[in-house]
PDB file of N, CA and C in Angstrom:
ATOM      1  N   UNK A   1     105.620  75.044 100.493  1.00  0.00           N
ATOM      2  CA  UNK A   1     104.727  76.057 101.024  1.00  0.00           C
ATOM      3  C   UNK A   1     103.451  76.155 100.194  1.00  0.00           C
ATOM      4  N   UNK A   2     103.586  75.972  98.868  1.00  0.00           N
ATOM      5  CA  UNK A   2     102.413  76.068  97.993  1.00  0.00           C
ATOM      6  C   UNK A   2     101.354  75.031  98.375  1.00  0.00           C
ATOM      7  N   UNK A   3     101.789  73.792  98.619  1.00  0.00           N
ATOM      8  CA  UNK A   3     100.836  72.732  98.973  1.00  0.00           C
ATOM      9  C   UNK A   3     100.116  73.074 100.274  1.00  0.00           C
ATOM     10  N   UNK A   4     100.864  73.585 101.248  1.00  0.00           N
ATOM     11  CA  UNK A   4     100.252  73.965 102.519  1.00  0.00           C
ATOM     12  C   UNK A   4      99.259  75.112 102.317  1.00  0.00           C
ATOM     13  N   UNK A   5      99.647  76.133 101.578  1.00  0.00           N
ATOM     14  CA  UNK A   5      98.773  77.281 101.341  1.00  0.00           C
ATOM     15  C   UNK A   5      97.526  76.875 100.557  1.00  0.00           C
ATOM     16  N   UNK A   6      97.686  75.974  99.600  1.00  0.00           N
ATOM     17  CA  UNK A   6      96.558  75.535  98.769  1.00  0.00           C
ATOM     18  C   UNK A   6      95.473  74.858  99.591  1.00  0.00           C
ATOM     19  N   UNK A   7      95.860  74.310 100.694  1.00  0.00           N
ATOM     20  CA  UNK A   7      94.932  73.649 101.598  1.00  0.00           C
ATOM     21  C   UNK A   7      93.857  74.628 102.095  1.00  0.00           C
ATOM     22  N   UNK A   8      94.169  75.925 102.104  1.00  0.00           N
ATOM     23  CA  UNK A   8      93.214  76.941 102.565  1.00  0.00           C
ATOM     24  C   UNK A   8      92.398  77.554 101.421  1.00  0.00           C
ATOM     25  N   UNK A   9      92.700  77.171 100.194  1.00  0.00           N
ATOM     26  CA  UNK A   9      92.061  77.736  99.009  1.00  0.00           C
ATOM     27  C   UNK A   9      90.700  77.089  98.772  1.00  0.00           C
ATOM     28  N   UNK A  10      89.713  77.900  98.489  1.00  0.00           N
ATOM     29  CA  UNK A  10      88.377  77.408  98.161  1.00  0.00           C
ATOM     30  C   UNK A  10      88.377  76.930  96.711  1.00  0.00           C
ATOM     31  N   UNK A  11      87.976  75.708  96.471  1.00  0.00           N
ATOM     32  CA  UNK A  11      87.971  75.155  95.118  1.00  0.00           C
ATOM     33  C   UNK A  11      86.728  75.512  94.319  1.00  0.00           C
ATOM     34  N   UNK A  12      85.756  76.155  94.952  1.00  0.00           N
ATOM     35  CA  UNK A  12      84.510  76.490  94.270  1.00  0.00           C
ATOM     36  C   UNK A  12      84.420  77.958  93.844  1.00  0.00           C
ATOM     37  N   UNK A  13      85.238  78.810  94.432  1.00  0.00           N
ATOM     38  CA  UNK A  13      85.249  80.241  94.095  1.00  0.00           C
ATOM     39  C   UNK A  13      86.570  80.815  94.578  1.00  0.00           C
ATOM     40  N   UNK A  14      86.907  82.027  94.125  1.00  0.00           N
ATOM     41  CA  UNK A  14      88.115  82.682  94.606  1.00  0.00           C
ATOM     42  C   UNK A  14      87.928  83.038  96.076  1.00  0.00           C
ATOM     43  N   UNK A  15      88.849  82.601  96.906  1.00  0.00           N
ATOM     44  CA  UNK A  15      88.771  82.936  98.315  1.00  0.00           C
ATOM     45  C   UNK A  15      89.229  81.806  99.206  1.00  0.00           C
ATOM     46  N   UNK A  16      89.007  82.010 100.492  1.00  0.00           N
ATOM     47  CA  UNK A  16      89.393  81.038 101.498  1.00  0.00           C
ATOM     48  C   UNK A  16      88.319  79.965 101.640  1.00  0.00           C
ATOM     49  N   UNK A  17      88.738  78.787 102.049  1.00  0.00           N
ATOM     50  CA  UNK A  17      87.843  77.641 102.196  1.00  0.00           C
ATOM     51  C   UNK A  17      87.251  77.618 103.606  1.00  0.00           C
ATOM     52  N   UNK A  18      85.934  77.770 103.727  1.00  0.00           N
ATOM     53  CA  UNK A  18      85.319  77.766 105.054  1.00  0.00           C
ATOM     54  C   UNK A  18      85.435  76.419 105.775  1.00  0.00           C
ATOM     55  N   UNK A  19      85.817  75.364 105.060  1.00  0.00           N
ATOM     56  CA  UNK A  19      86.054  74.078 105.713  1.00  0.00           C
ATOM     57  C   UNK A  19      87.373  74.079 106.485  1.00  0.00           C
ATOM     58  N   UNK A  20      88.248  75.054 106.192  1.00  0.00           N
ATOM     59  CA  UNK A  20      89.555  75.130 106.846  1.00  0.00           C
ATOM     60  C   UNK A  20      89.813  76.448 107.573  1.00  0.00           C
ATOM     61  N   UNK A  21      88.949  77.435 107.327  1.00  0.00           N
ATOM     62  CA  UNK A  21      89.139  78.768 107.916  1.00  0.00           C
ATOM     63  C   UNK A  21      87.883  79.164 108.686  1.00  0.00           C
ATOM     64  N   UNK A  22      88.084  79.664 109.889  1.00  0.00           N
ATOM     65  CA  UNK A  22      86.986  80.074 110.750  1.00  0.00           C
ATOM     66  C   UNK A  22      86.659  81.549 110.545  1.00  0.00           C
ATOM     67  N   UNK A  23      85.371  81.874 110.524  1.00  0.00           N
ATOM     68  CA  UNK A  23      84.872  83.253 110.530  1.00  0.00           C
ATOM     69  C   UNK A  23      85.572  84.130 109.482  1.00  0.00           C
ATOM     70  N   UNK A  24      85.414  83.784 108.236  1.00  0.00           N
ATOM     71  CA  UNK A  24      86.054  84.529 107.142  1.00  0.00           C
ATOM     72  C   UNK A  24      85.456  85.934 107.056  1.00  0.00           C
ATOM     73  N   UNK A  25      86.354  86.909 107.051  1.00  0.00           N
ATOM     74  CA  UNK A  25      85.958  88.311 106.883  1.00  0.00           C
ATOM     75  C   UNK A  25      86.364  88.748 105.483  1.00  0.00           C
ATOM     76  N   UNK A  26      85.531  89.604 104.860  1.00  0.00           N
ATOM     77  CA  UNK A  26      85.807  90.059 103.497  1.00  0.00           C
ATOM     78  C   UNK A  26      85.855  91.584 103.438  1.00  0.00           C
ATOM     79  N   UNK A  27      86.679  92.064 102.491  1.00  0.00           N
ATOM     80  CA  UNK A  27      86.754  93.505 102.250  1.00  0.00           C
ATOM     81  C   UNK A  27      87.017  93.727 100.764  1.00  0.00           C
ATOM     82  N   UNK A  28      86.170  94.512 100.119  1.00  0.00           N
ATOM     83  CA  UNK A  28      86.369  94.872  98.713  1.00  0.00           C
ATOM     84  C   UNK A  28      87.225  96.131  98.690  1.00  0.00           C
ATOM     85  N   UNK A  29      88.449  95.994  98.180  1.00  0.00           N
ATOM     86  CA  UNK A  29      89.412  97.095  98.209  1.00  0.00           C
ATOM     87  C   UNK A  29      89.238  98.071  97.049  1.00  0.00           C
ATOM     88  N   UNK A  30      88.678  97.611  95.962  1.00  0.00           N
ATOM     89  CA  UNK A  30      88.548  98.429  94.753  1.00  0.00           C
ATOM     90  C   UNK A  30      87.924  99.788  95.071  1.00  0.00           C
ATOM     91  N   UNK A  31      88.714 100.835  94.898  1.00  0.00           N
ATOM     92  CA  UNK A  31      88.237 102.184  95.177  1.00  0.00           C
ATOM     93  C   UNK A  31      88.312 102.575  96.638  1.00  0.00           C
ATOM     94  N   UNK A  32      88.754 101.657  97.486  1.00  0.00           N
ATOM     95  CA  UNK A  32      88.828 101.907  98.933  1.00  0.00           C
ATOM     96  C   UNK A  32      90.181 101.456  99.475  1.00  0.00           C
ATOM     97  N   UNK A  33      91.239 101.822  98.788  1.00  0.00           N
ATOM     98  CA  UNK A  33      92.573 101.335  99.129  1.00  0.00           C
ATOM     99  C   UNK A  33      93.024 101.758 100.524  1.00  0.00           C
ATOM    100  N   UNK A  34      92.780 103.007 100.897  1.00  0.00           N
ATOM    101  CA  UNK A  34      93.183 103.474 102.235  1.00  0.00           C
ATOM    102  C   UNK A  34      92.432 102.707 103.317  1.00  0.00           C
ATOM    103  N   UNK A  35      91.146 102.491 103.089  1.00  0.00           N
ATOM    104  CA  UNK A  35      90.355 101.720 104.055  1.00  0.00           C
ATOM    105  C   UNK A  35      90.817 100.272 104.105  1.00  0.00           C
ATOM    106  N   UNK A  36      91.225  99.726 102.960  1.00  0.00           N
ATOM    107  CA  UNK A  36      91.741  98.349 102.923  1.00  0.00           C
ATOM    108  C   UNK A  36      93.022  98.239 103.737  1.00  0.00           C
ATOM    109  N   UNK A  37      93.892  99.232 103.623  1.00  0.00           N
ATOM    110  CA  UNK A  37      95.121  99.224 104.418  1.00  0.00           C
ATOM    111  C   UNK A  37      94.808  99.263 105.910  1.00  0.00           C
ATOM    112  N   UNK A  38      93.847 100.077 106.297  1.00  0.00           N
ATOM    113  CA  UNK A  38      93.441 100.154 107.706  1.00  0.00           C
ATOM    114  C   UNK A  38      92.820  98.827 108.150  1.00  0.00           C
ATOM    115  N   UNK A  39      92.018  98.222 107.297  1.00  0.00           N
ATOM    116  CA  UNK A  39      91.388  96.925 107.585  1.00  0.00           C
ATOM    117  C   UNK A  39      92.458  95.866 107.822  1.00  0.00           C
ATOM    118  N   UNK A  40      93.477  95.844 106.962  1.00  0.00           N
ATOM    119  CA  UNK A  40      94.579  94.889 107.130  1.00  0.00           C
ATOM    120  C   UNK A  40      95.338  95.162 108.424  1.00  0.00           C
ATOM    121  N   UNK A  41      95.624  96.422 108.693  1.00  0.00           N
ATOM    122  CA  UNK A  41      96.381  96.808 109.882  1.00  0.00           C
ATOM    123  C   UNK A  41      95.680  96.346 111.160  1.00  0.00           C
ATOM    124  N   UNK A  42      94.335  96.362 111.154  1.00  0.00           N
ATOM    125  CA  UNK A  42      93.564  95.918 112.320  1.00  0.00           C
ATOM    126  C   UNK A  42      93.689  94.411 112.551  1.00  0.00           C
ATOM    127  N   UNK A  43      93.995  93.649 111.511  1.00  0.00           N
ATOM    128  CA  UNK A  43      94.007  92.197 111.600  1.00  0.00           C
ATOM    129  C   UNK A  43      95.400  91.583 111.644  1.00  0.00           C
ATOM    130  N   UNK A  44      96.378  92.315 111.176  1.00  0.00           N
ATOM    131  CA  UNK A  44      97.719  91.757 111.026  1.00  0.00           C
ATOM    132  C   UNK A  44      98.680  92.488 111.959  1.00  0.00           C
ATOM    133  N   UNK A  45      99.275  91.746 112.873  1.00  0.00           N
ATOM    134  CA  UNK A  45     100.249  92.307 113.811  1.00  0.00           C
ATOM    135  C   UNK A  45     101.489  92.729 113.029  1.00  0.00           C
ATOM    136  N   UNK A  46     101.920  93.963 113.199  1.00  0.00           N
ATOM    137  CA  UNK A  46     103.042  94.481 112.415  1.00  0.00           C
ATOM    138  C   UNK A  46     104.349  93.757 112.696  1.00  0.00           C
ATOM    139  N   UNK A  47     104.424  93.011 113.793  1.00  0.00           N
ATOM    140  CA  UNK A  47     105.655  92.280 114.097  1.00  0.00           C
ATOM    141  C   UNK A  47     105.694  90.899 113.437  1.00  0.00           C
ATOM    142  N   UNK A  48     104.598  90.477 112.820  1.00  0.00           N
ATOM    143  CA  UNK A  48     104.554  89.175 112.156  1.00  0.00           C
ATOM    144  C   UNK A  48     105.453  89.151 110.922  1.00  0.00           C
ATOM    145  N   UNK A  49     105.897  87.956 110.568  1.00  0.00           N
ATOM    146  CA  UNK A  49     106.482  87.706 109.247  1.00  0.00           C
ATOM    147  C   UNK A  49     105.420  86.989 108.448  1.00  0.00           C
ATOM    148  N   UNK A  50     105.384  87.239 107.152  1.00  0.00           N
ATOM    149  CA  UNK A  50     104.302  86.732 106.315  1.00  0.00           C
ATOM    150  C   UNK A  50     104.857  86.035 105.076  1.00  0.00           C
ATOM    151  N   UNK A  51     104.287  84.870 104.771  1.00  0.00           N
ATOM    152  CA  UNK A  51     104.532  84.208 103.491  1.00  0.00           C
ATOM    153  C   UNK A  51     103.468  84.710 102.521  1.00  0.00           C
ATOM    154  N   UNK A  52     103.877  85.188 101.363  1.00  0.00           N
ATOM    155  CA  UNK A  52     102.946  85.559 100.304  1.00  0.00           C
ATOM    156  C   UNK A  52     103.136  84.529  99.205  1.00  0.00           C
ATOM    157  N   UNK A  53     102.121  83.680  99.025  1.00  0.00           N
ATOM    158  CA  UNK A  53     102.205  82.564  98.089  1.00  0.00           C
ATOM    159  C   UNK A  53     101.428  82.932  96.832  1.00  0.00           C
ATOM    160  N   UNK A  54     102.171  83.260  95.786  1.00  0.00           N
ATOM    161  CA  UNK A  54     101.570  83.611  94.501  1.00  0.00           C
ATOM    162  C   UNK A  54     101.306  82.359  93.661  1.00  0.00           C
ATOM    163  N   UNK A  55     102.174  81.382  93.772  1.00  0.00           N
ATOM    164  CA  UNK A  55     102.072  80.161  92.975  1.00  0.00           C
ATOM    165  C   UNK A  55     103.065  79.127  93.456  1.00  0.00           C
ATOM    166  N   UNK A  56     103.097  78.002  92.780  1.00  0.00           N
ATOM    167  CA  UNK A  56     103.945  76.875  93.175  1.00  0.00           C
ATOM    168  C   UNK A  56     105.406  77.285  93.382  1.00  0.00           C
ATOM    169  N   UNK A  57     105.943  78.103  92.499  1.00  0.00           N
ATOM    170  CA  UNK A  57     107.342  78.504  92.575  1.00  0.00           C
ATOM    171  C   UNK A  57     107.529  79.977  92.924  1.00  0.00           C
ATOM    172  N   UNK A  58     106.474  80.631  93.317  1.00  0.00           N
ATOM    173  CA  UNK A  58     106.523  82.063  93.604  1.00  0.00           C
ATOM    174  C   UNK A  58     106.029  82.346  95.015  1.00  0.00           C
ATOM    175  N   UNK A  59     106.973  82.379  95.955  1.00  0.00           N
ATOM    176  CA  UNK A  59     106.658  82.648  97.351  1.00  0.00           C
ATOM    177  C   UNK A  59     107.617  83.725  97.854  1.00  0.00           C
ATOM    178  N   UNK A  60     107.066  84.716  98.499  1.00  0.00           N
ATOM    179  CA  UNK A  60     107.888  85.773  99.095  1.00  0.00           C
ATOM    180  C   UNK A  60     107.663  85.767 100.599  1.00  0.00           C
ATOM    181  N   UNK A  61     108.697  86.116 101.354  1.00  0.00           N
ATOM    182  CA  UNK A  61     108.586  86.259 102.799  1.00  0.00           C
ATOM    183  C   UNK A  61     108.930  87.707 103.129  1.00  0.00           C
ATOM    184  N   UNK A  62     108.081  88.323 103.934  1.00  0.00           N
ATOM    185  CA  UNK A  62     108.297  89.737 104.266  1.00  0.00           C
ATOM    186  C   UNK A  62     107.700  90.040 105.628  1.00  0.00           C
ATOM    187  N   UNK A  63     108.038  91.193 106.147  1.00  0.00           N
ATOM    188  CA  UNK A  63     107.433  91.616 107.406  1.00  0.00           C
ATOM    189  C   UNK A  63     105.985  92.034 107.131  1.00  0.00           C
ATOM    190  N   UNK A  64     105.152  91.834 108.136  1.00  0.00           N
ATOM    191  CA  UNK A  64     103.757  92.240 108.005  1.00  0.00           C
ATOM    192  C   UNK A  64     103.645  93.749 107.833  1.00  0.00           C
ATOM    193  N   UNK A  65     104.514  94.478 108.497  1.00  0.00           N
ATOM    194  CA  UNK A  65     104.518  95.937 108.376  1.00  0.00           C
ATOM    195  C   UNK A  65     104.741  96.350 106.917  1.00  0.00           C
ATOM    196  N   UNK A  66     105.710  95.710 106.265  1.00  0.00           N
ATOM    197  CA  UNK A  66     105.991  95.995 104.851  1.00  0.00           C
ATOM    198  C   UNK A  66     104.792  95.602 103.982  1.00  0.00           C
ATOM    199  N   UNK A  67     104.214  94.446 104.249  1.00  0.00           N
ATOM    200  CA  UNK A  67     103.045  93.999 103.483  1.00  0.00           C
ATOM    201  C   UNK A  67     101.913  95.013 103.561  1.00  0.00           C
ATOM    202  N   UNK A  68     101.578  95.435 104.776  1.00  0.00           N
ATOM    203  CA  UNK A  68     100.445  96.351 104.950  1.00  0.00           C
ATOM    204  C   UNK A  68     100.715  97.698 104.292  1.00  0.00           C
ATOM    205  N   UNK A  69     101.948  98.172 104.372  1.00  0.00           N
ATOM    206  CA  UNK A  69     102.244  99.476 103.781  1.00  0.00           C
ATOM    207  C   UNK A  69     102.431  99.417 102.268  1.00  0.00           C
ATOM    208  N   UNK A  70     102.800  98.247 101.727  1.00  0.00           N
ATOM    209  CA  UNK A  70     103.128  98.160 100.303  1.00  0.00           C
ATOM    210  C   UNK A  70     102.250  97.212  99.495  1.00  0.00           C
ATOM    211  N   UNK A  71     101.145  96.744 100.047  1.00  0.00           N
ATOM    212  CA  UNK A  71     100.358  95.737  99.329  1.00  0.00           C
ATOM    213  C   UNK A  71      99.909  96.216  97.953  1.00  0.00           C
ATOM    214  N   UNK A  72      99.680  97.497  97.794  1.00  0.00           N
ATOM    215  CA  UNK A  72      99.272  98.019  96.484  1.00  0.00           C
ATOM    216  C   UNK A  72     100.359  97.839  95.429  1.00  0.00           C
ATOM    217  N   UNK A  73     101.613  97.782  95.857  1.00  0.00           N
ATOM    218  CA  UNK A  73     102.733  97.568  94.933  1.00  0.00           C
ATOM    219  C   UNK A  73     103.103  96.096  94.788  1.00  0.00           C
ATOM    220  N   UNK A  74     102.620  95.268  95.694  1.00  0.00           N
ATOM    221  CA  UNK A  74     102.965  93.841  95.693  1.00  0.00           C
ATOM    222  C   UNK A  74     101.912  92.975  95.027  1.00  0.00           C
ATOM    223  N   UNK A  75     100.660  93.410  95.061  1.00  0.00           N
ATOM    224  CA  UNK A  75      99.533  92.626  94.555  1.00  0.00           C
ATOM    225  C   UNK A  75      98.784  93.471  93.534  1.00  0.00           C
ATOM    226  N   UNK A  76      98.648  92.945  92.344  1.00  0.00           N
ATOM    227  CA  UNK A  76      98.052  93.732  91.269  1.00  0.00           C
ATOM    228  C   UNK A  76      96.637  93.258  90.953  1.00  0.00           C
ATOM    229  N   UNK A  77      95.660  94.172  91.027  1.00  0.00           N
ATOM    230  CA  UNK A  77      94.308  93.816  90.597  1.00  0.00           C
ATOM    231  C   UNK A  77      94.332  93.361  89.143  1.00  0.00           C
ATOM    232  N   UNK A  78      93.463  92.462  88.825  1.00  0.00           N
ATOM    233  CA  UNK A  78      93.304  91.848  87.494  1.00  0.00           C
ATOM    234  C   UNK A  78      94.443  90.910  87.135  1.00  0.00           C
ATOM    235  N   UNK A  79      95.441  90.731  88.026  1.00  0.00           N
ATOM    236  CA  UNK A  79      96.520  89.799  87.725  1.00  0.00           C
ATOM    237  C   UNK A  79      96.761  88.793  88.838  1.00  0.00           C
ATOM    238  N   UNK A  80      96.877  89.257  90.068  1.00  0.00           N
ATOM    239  CA  UNK A  80      97.353  88.400  91.151  1.00  0.00           C
ATOM    240  C   UNK A  80      96.242  87.806  91.997  1.00  0.00           C
ATOM    241  N   UNK A  81      96.428  86.544  92.316  1.00  0.00           N
ATOM    242  CA  UNK A  81      95.726  85.880  93.403  1.00  0.00           C
ATOM    243  C   UNK A  81      96.838  85.394  94.319  1.00  0.00           C
ATOM    244  N   UNK A  82      96.698  85.584  95.604  1.00  0.00           N
ATOM    245  CA  UNK A  82      97.742  85.160  96.524  1.00  0.00           C
ATOM    246  C   UNK A  82      97.119  84.732  97.845  1.00  0.00           C
ATOM    247  N   UNK A  83      97.733  83.726  98.447  1.00  0.00           N
ATOM    248  CA  UNK A  83      97.378  83.319  99.797  1.00  0.00           C
ATOM    249  C   UNK A  83      98.502  83.815 100.703  1.00  0.00           C
ATOM    250  N   UNK A  84      98.134  84.452 101.789  1.00  0.00           N
ATOM    251  CA  UNK A  84      99.106  85.011 102.729  1.00  0.00           C
ATOM    252  C   UNK A  84      98.942  84.304 104.066  1.00  0.00           C
ATOM    253  N   UNK A  85     100.068  83.866 104.632  1.00  0.00           N
ATOM    254  CA  UNK A  85     100.034  83.126 105.887  1.00  0.00           C
ATOM    255  C   UNK A  85     101.071  83.726 106.819  1.00  0.00           C
ATOM    256  N   UNK A  86     100.661  84.030 108.045  1.00  0.00           N
ATOM    257  CA  UNK A  86     101.671  84.539 108.964  1.00  0.00           C
ATOM    258  C   UNK A  86     102.575  83.387 109.394  1.00  0.00           C
ATOM    259  N   UNK A  87     103.803  83.706 109.725  1.00  0.00           N
ATOM    260  CA  UNK A  87     104.808  82.684 110.016  1.00  0.00           C
ATOM    261  C   UNK A  87     104.423  81.817 111.204  1.00  0.00           C
ATOM    262  N   UNK A  88     103.646  82.349 112.132  1.00  0.00           N
ATOM    263  CA  UNK A  88     103.220  81.559 113.281  1.00  0.00           C
ATOM    264  C   UNK A  88     102.039  80.661 112.942  1.00  0.00           C
ATOM    265  N   UNK A  89     101.403  80.915 111.803  1.00  0.00           N
ATOM    266  CA  UNK A  89     100.278  80.083 111.378  1.00  0.00           C
ATOM    267  C   UNK A  89      98.950  80.432 112.020  1.00  0.00           C
ATOM    268  N   UNK A  90      98.832  81.626 112.624  1.00  0.00           N
ATOM    269  CA  UNK A  90      97.610  81.976 113.340  1.00  0.00           C
ATOM    270  C   UNK A  90      96.547  82.610 112.462  1.00  0.00           C
ATOM    271  N   UNK A  91      96.911  83.134 111.296  1.00  0.00           N
ATOM    272  CA  UNK A  91      95.913  83.703 110.395  1.00  0.00           C
ATOM    273  C   UNK A  91      96.307  83.434 108.944  1.00  0.00           C
ATOM    274  N   UNK A  92      95.309  83.488 108.095  1.00  0.00           N
ATOM    275  CA  UNK A  92      95.483  83.303 106.660  1.00  0.00           C
ATOM    276  C   UNK A  92      94.656  84.383 105.971  1.00  0.00           C
ATOM    277  N   UNK A  93      95.199  84.951 104.914  1.00  0.00           N
ATOM    278  CA  UNK A  93      94.464  85.929 104.115  1.00  0.00           C
ATOM    279  C   UNK A  93      94.527  85.506 102.649  1.00  0.00           C
ATOM    280  N   UNK A  94      93.596  86.004 101.880  1.00  0.00           N
ATOM    281  CA  UNK A  94      93.558  85.742 100.444  1.00  0.00           C
ATOM    282  C   UNK A  94      93.346  87.064  99.738  1.00  0.00           C
ATOM    283  N   UNK A  95      94.185  87.335  98.748  1.00  0.00           N
ATOM    284  CA  UNK A  95      93.981  88.509  97.903  1.00  0.00           C
ATOM    285  C   UNK A  95      93.554  87.998  96.535  1.00  0.00           C
ATOM    286  N   UNK A  96      92.439  88.492  96.044  1.00  0.00           N
ATOM    287  CA  UNK A  96      91.876  88.069  94.763  1.00  0.00           C
ATOM    288  C   UNK A  96      92.145  89.132  93.699  1.00  0.00           C
ATOM    289  N   UNK A  97      92.386  88.683  92.490  1.00  0.00           N
ATOM    290  CA  UNK A  97      92.654  89.591  91.368  1.00  0.00           C
ATOM    291  C   UNK A  97      91.509  90.579  91.131  1.00  0.00           C
ATOM    292  N   UNK A  98      90.359  90.339  91.730  1.00  0.00           N
ATOM    293  CA  UNK A  98      89.236  91.270  91.618  1.00  0.00           C
ATOM    294  C   UNK A  98      89.334  92.368  92.687  1.00  0.00           C
ATOM    295  N   UNK A  99      90.526  92.472  93.312  1.00  0.00           N
ATOM    296  CA  UNK A  99      90.842  93.492  94.313  1.00  0.00           C
ATOM    297  C   UNK A  99      89.984  93.332  95.566  1.00  0.00           C
ATOM    298  N   UNK A 100      89.901  92.094  96.015  1.00  0.00           N
ATOM    299  CA  UNK A 100      89.160  91.772  97.224  1.00  0.00           C
ATOM    300  C   UNK A 100      90.050  90.999  98.181  1.00  0.00           C
ATOM    301  N   UNK A 101      89.855  91.214  99.469  1.00  0.00           N
ATOM    302  CA  UNK A 101      90.593  90.541 100.525  1.00  0.00           C
ATOM    303  C   UNK A 101      89.662  89.643 101.315  1.00  0.00           C
ATOM    304  N   UNK A 102      90.205  88.529 101.787  1.00  0.00           N
ATOM    305  CA  UNK A 102      89.547  87.712 102.796  1.00  0.00           C
ATOM    306  C   UNK A 102      90.579  87.426 103.882  1.00  0.00           C
ATOM    307  N   UNK A 103      90.114  87.282 105.108  1.00  0.00           N
ATOM    308  CA  UNK A 103      90.999  87.027 106.238  1.00  0.00           C
ATOM    309  C   UNK A 103      90.280  86.119 107.222  1.00  0.00           C
ATOM    310  N   UNK A 104      91.021  85.218 107.839  1.00  0.00           N
ATOM    311  CA  UNK A 104      90.440  84.350 108.862  1.00  0.00           C
ATOM    312  C   UNK A 104      91.523  83.577 109.595  1.00  0.00           C
ATOM    313  N   UNK A 105      91.076  82.764 110.524  1.00  0.00           N
ATOM    314  CA  UNK A 105      92.001  81.934 111.307  1.00  0.00           C
ATOM    315  C   UNK A 105      91.784  80.474 110.942  1.00  0.00           C
ATOM    316  N   UNK A 106      92.892  79.737 110.753  1.00  0.00           N
ATOM    317  CA  UNK A 106      92.751  78.301 110.466  1.00  0.00           C
ATOM    318  C   UNK A 106      91.969  77.617 111.579  1.00  0.00           C
ATOM    319  N   UNK A 107      91.127  76.663 111.207  1.00  0.00           N
ATOM    320  CA  UNK A 107      90.372  75.921 112.213  1.00  0.00           C
ATOM    321  C   UNK A 107      91.306  75.183 113.161  1.00  0.00           C
ATOM    322  N   UNK A 108      92.407  74.680 112.626  1.00  0.00           N
ATOM    323  CA  UNK A 108      93.429  74.060 113.458  1.00  0.00           C
ATOM    324  C   UNK A 108      94.511  75.100 113.695  1.00  0.00           C
ATOM    325  N   UNK A 109      94.745  75.477 114.941  1.00  0.00           N
ATOM    326  CA  UNK A 109      95.722  76.513 115.249  1.00  0.00           C
ATOM    327  C   UNK A 109      97.156  75.992 115.292  1.00  0.00           C
ATOM    328  N   UNK A 110      97.349  74.704 115.131  1.00  0.00           N
ATOM    329  CA  UNK A 110      98.706  74.140 115.122  1.00  0.00           C
ATOM    330  C   UNK A 110      99.247  74.179 113.702  1.00  0.00           C
ATOM    331  N   UNK A 111     100.275  74.996 113.431  1.00  0.00           N
ATOM    332  CA  UNK A 111     100.835  75.028 112.077  1.00  0.00           C
ATOM    333  C   UNK A 111     101.302  73.650 111.642  1.00  0.00           C
ATOM    334  N   UNK A 112     100.824  73.196 110.504  1.00  0.00           N
ATOM    335  CA  UNK A 112     101.162  71.866 110.004  1.00  0.00           C
ATOM    336  C   UNK A 112     102.384  71.897 109.097  1.00  0.00           C
ATOM    337  N   UNK A 113     102.841  73.066 108.736  1.00  0.00           N
ATOM    338  CA  UNK A 113     103.951  73.175 107.807  1.00  0.00           C
ATOM    339  C   UNK A 113     105.257  73.355 108.565  1.00  0.00           C
ATOM    340  N   UNK A 114     106.231  72.479 108.338  1.00  0.00           N
ATOM    341  CA  UNK A 114     107.515  72.606 109.045  1.00  0.00           C
ATOM    342  C   UNK A 114     108.202  73.946 108.796  1.00  0.00           C
ATOM    343  N   UNK A 115     108.046  74.530 107.619  1.00  0.00           N
ATOM    344  CA  UNK A 115     108.665  75.820 107.323  1.00  0.00           C
ATOM    345  C   UNK A 115     108.091  76.899 108.234  1.00  0.00           C
ATOM    346  N   UNK A 116     106.804  76.836 108.484  1.00  0.00           N
ATOM    347  CA  UNK A 116     106.178  77.817 109.371  1.00  0.00           C
ATOM    348  C   UNK A 116     106.646  77.586 110.803  1.00  0.00           C
ATOM    349  N   UNK A 117     106.715  76.335 111.223  1.00  0.00           N
ATOM    350  CA  UNK A 117     107.179  76.041 112.578  1.00  0.00           C
ATOM    351  C   UNK A 117     108.607  76.559 112.795  1.00  0.00           C
ATOM    352  N   UNK A 118     109.496  76.334 111.830  1.00  0.00           N
ATOM    353  CA  UNK A 118     110.882  76.763 112.008  1.00  0.00           C
ATOM    354  C   UNK A 118     111.009  78.278 111.954  1.00  0.00           C
ATOM    355  N   UNK A 119     110.179  78.945 111.157  1.00  0.00           N
ATOM    356  CA  UNK A 119     110.263  80.392 111.039  1.00  0.00           C
ATOM    357  C   UNK A 119     109.734  81.084 112.287  1.00  0.00           C
ATOM    358  N   UNK A 120     108.772  80.455 112.965  1.00  0.00           N
ATOM    359  CA  UNK A 120     108.172  81.099 114.110  1.00  0.00           C
ATOM    360  C   UNK A 120     108.923  80.826 115.410  1.00  0.00           C
ATOM    361  N   UNK A 121     109.946  79.984 115.374  1.00  0.00           N
ATOM    362  CA  UNK A 121     110.675  79.709 116.621  1.00  0.00           C
ATOM    363  C   UNK A 121     111.950  80.514 116.713  1.00  0.00           C
TER     364      UNK A 121
END
C-alpha cells in the first residue's frame, strides 16, 4: 500500500502530486479545526473505507465517518504526514505535519492497487 500511496506524493514539496491528482484543493486547518472537519465531510462520503498511510509499515484502515470525526486524534500537527486513499480509489487526501490538508481525485480513476480493488468489491 505504501508504494501505491507514494505514487501520489509530491517529491518537490509536502502535498499531493499534480501530475497524478486532478484539481487539488487545499485547507489550512491550524486554528480552524471545526471548519477543517466540515471541509473533509463535504469531500469524503461517510460510507467510504479509508486507508491512512503513515509510512512503509504503518497503515490503518478505518471508516471515513471515524476519520472525519477523529482526525484530530489520529493525525498530529508537527509530527504526522499521511496519505489517505478511499478504498474505491476515487479520491486521495494528504495531511501535512504543518496542519494542512490537500484533497483531489486521481487522474486515472481505475484503482491500480489490488488491495484497493479487493476492499471495494
